[in-house]
Amino acid sequence: MEPRDVRIKRLRYRSSYTGTKETDVLLGQFVARHLDALSPTLLDQYEALIDNSDPDLFMWISGRKPVPPEWDTDVMVLLKNFRTGS
């Protein structure tokens, strides 16, 4: 099993270099603020979520497209609240 600190570093990198500038900024800022405090369950949700395409992620988080039920998780709520400043 990967040590938590190594996993956090890997997820930070992946979040800042997604391939789409808007998603890089959004996810990069989110992980800078929240990643260290996420529970193992939320880390799992986050890691699975960012395997989706950048355009889909941005549309779901921004509210431009509905979030599919399988991705409408606690971490998605955190991301949406982060985006809106709630």
Protein backbone atom coordinates (compact mmCIF):
# COMPACT_ATOMS: atom_id res chain seq x y z
CA MET A 1 0.00 0.00 0.00
CA GLU A 2 1.24 3.47 -0.90
CA PRO A 3 2.18 5.71 2.06
CA ARG A 4 -0.24 8.61 2.59
CA ASP A 5 2.40 11.30 2.03
CA VAL A 6 3.41 9.76 -1.31
CA ARG A 7 -0.23 9.49 -2.34
CA ILE A 8 -0.86 13.14 -1.40
CA LYS A 9 2.15 14.28 -3.48
CA ARG A 10 0.99 12.23 -6.45
CA LEU A 11 -2.56 13.59 -6.23
CA ARG A 12 -1.27 17.17 -5.90
CA TYR A 13 0.72 16.73 -9.09
CA ARG A 14 -2.13 15.09 -10.99
CA SER A 15 -4.52 17.83 -9.87
CA SER A 16 -2.27 20.64 -11.10
CA TYR A 17 -1.44 19.07 -14.46
CA THR A 18 -4.73 17.70 -15.77
CA GLY A 19 -4.35 19.00 -19.30
CA THR A 20 -6.96 21.77 -19.12
CA LYS A 21 -5.95 25.11 -17.59
CA GLU A 22 -9.32 25.77 -15.94
CA THR A 23 -9.35 22.34 -14.32
CA ASP A 24 -5.68 22.69 -13.30
CA VAL A 25 -6.45 25.93 -11.48
CA LEU A 26 -9.63 24.70 -9.82
CA LEU A 27 -8.29 21.34 -8.68
CA GLY A 28 -4.86 22.76 -7.83
CA GLN A 29 -6.40 25.34 -5.50
CA PHE A 30 -8.75 22.76 -4.00
CA VAL A 31 -5.96 20.32 -3.16
CA ALA A 32 -3.77 23.10 -1.76
CA ARG A 33 -6.51 23.89 0.72
CA HIS A 34 -8.13 20.50 1.44
CA LEU A 35 -6.10 17.48 0.36
CA ASP A 36 -4.08 17.02 3.55
CA ALA A 37 -7.25 16.96 5.67
CA LEU A 38 -9.25 14.49 3.56
CA SER A 39 -10.11 11.18 5.16
CA PRO A 40 -8.97 7.97 3.44
CA THR A 41 -12.50 7.53 2.06
CA LEU A 42 -12.55 11.04 0.60
CA LEU A 43 -9.07 10.54 -0.83
CA ASP A 44 -10.35 7.41 -2.57
CA GLN A 45 -13.34 9.34 -3.94
CA TYR A 46 -11.12 12.18 -5.11
CA GLU A 47 -8.61 9.90 -6.79
CA ALA A 48 -11.34 8.01 -8.63
CA LEU A 49 -13.06 11.26 -9.63
CA ILE A 50 -10.01 12.80 -11.26
CA ASP A 51 -9.70 9.81 -13.56
CA ASN A 52 -12.63 11.35 -15.48
CA SER A 53 -12.05 13.66 -18.43
CA ASP A 54 -11.11 17.26 -17.69
CA PRO A 55 -14.07 18.74 -19.59
CA ASP A 56 -16.51 16.54 -17.67
CA LEU A 57 -14.93 17.41 -14.33
CA PHE A 58 -15.06 21.11 -15.05
CA MET A 59 -18.67 20.97 -16.24
CA TRP A 60 -19.80 18.96 -13.19
CA ILE A 61 -17.97 21.09 -10.65
CA SER A 62 -19.09 24.34 -12.28
CA GLY A 63 -22.69 23.16 -12.39
CA ARG A 64 -22.93 23.42 -16.17
CA LYS A 65 -23.79 19.73 -16.45
CA PRO A 66 -25.46 17.51 -13.88
CA VAL A 67 -23.15 15.24 -11.94
CA PRO A 68 -23.80 11.58 -12.77
CA PRO A 69 -25.03 9.69 -9.69
CA GLU A 70 -21.88 7.58 -9.44
CA TRP A 71 -19.76 10.74 -9.10
CA ASP A 72 -22.14 12.69 -6.86
CA THR A 73 -20.10 11.94 -3.75
CA ASP A 74 -19.05 13.80 -0.62
CA VAL A 75 -15.88 14.95 -2.35
CA MET A 76 -17.91 16.36 -5.25
CA VAL A 77 -19.93 18.37 -2.73
CA LEU A 78 -16.66 19.70 -1.29
CA LEU A 79 -15.44 20.65 -4.76
CA LYS A 80 -18.67 22.43 -5.66
CA ASN A 81 -18.71 24.30 -2.36
CA PHE A 82 -15.07 25.25 -2.82
CA ARG A 83 -15.82 26.63 -6.28
CA THR A 84 -18.68 28.77 -4.99
CA GLY A 85 -16.86 29.82 -1.82
CA SER A 86 -19.43 28.18 0.45
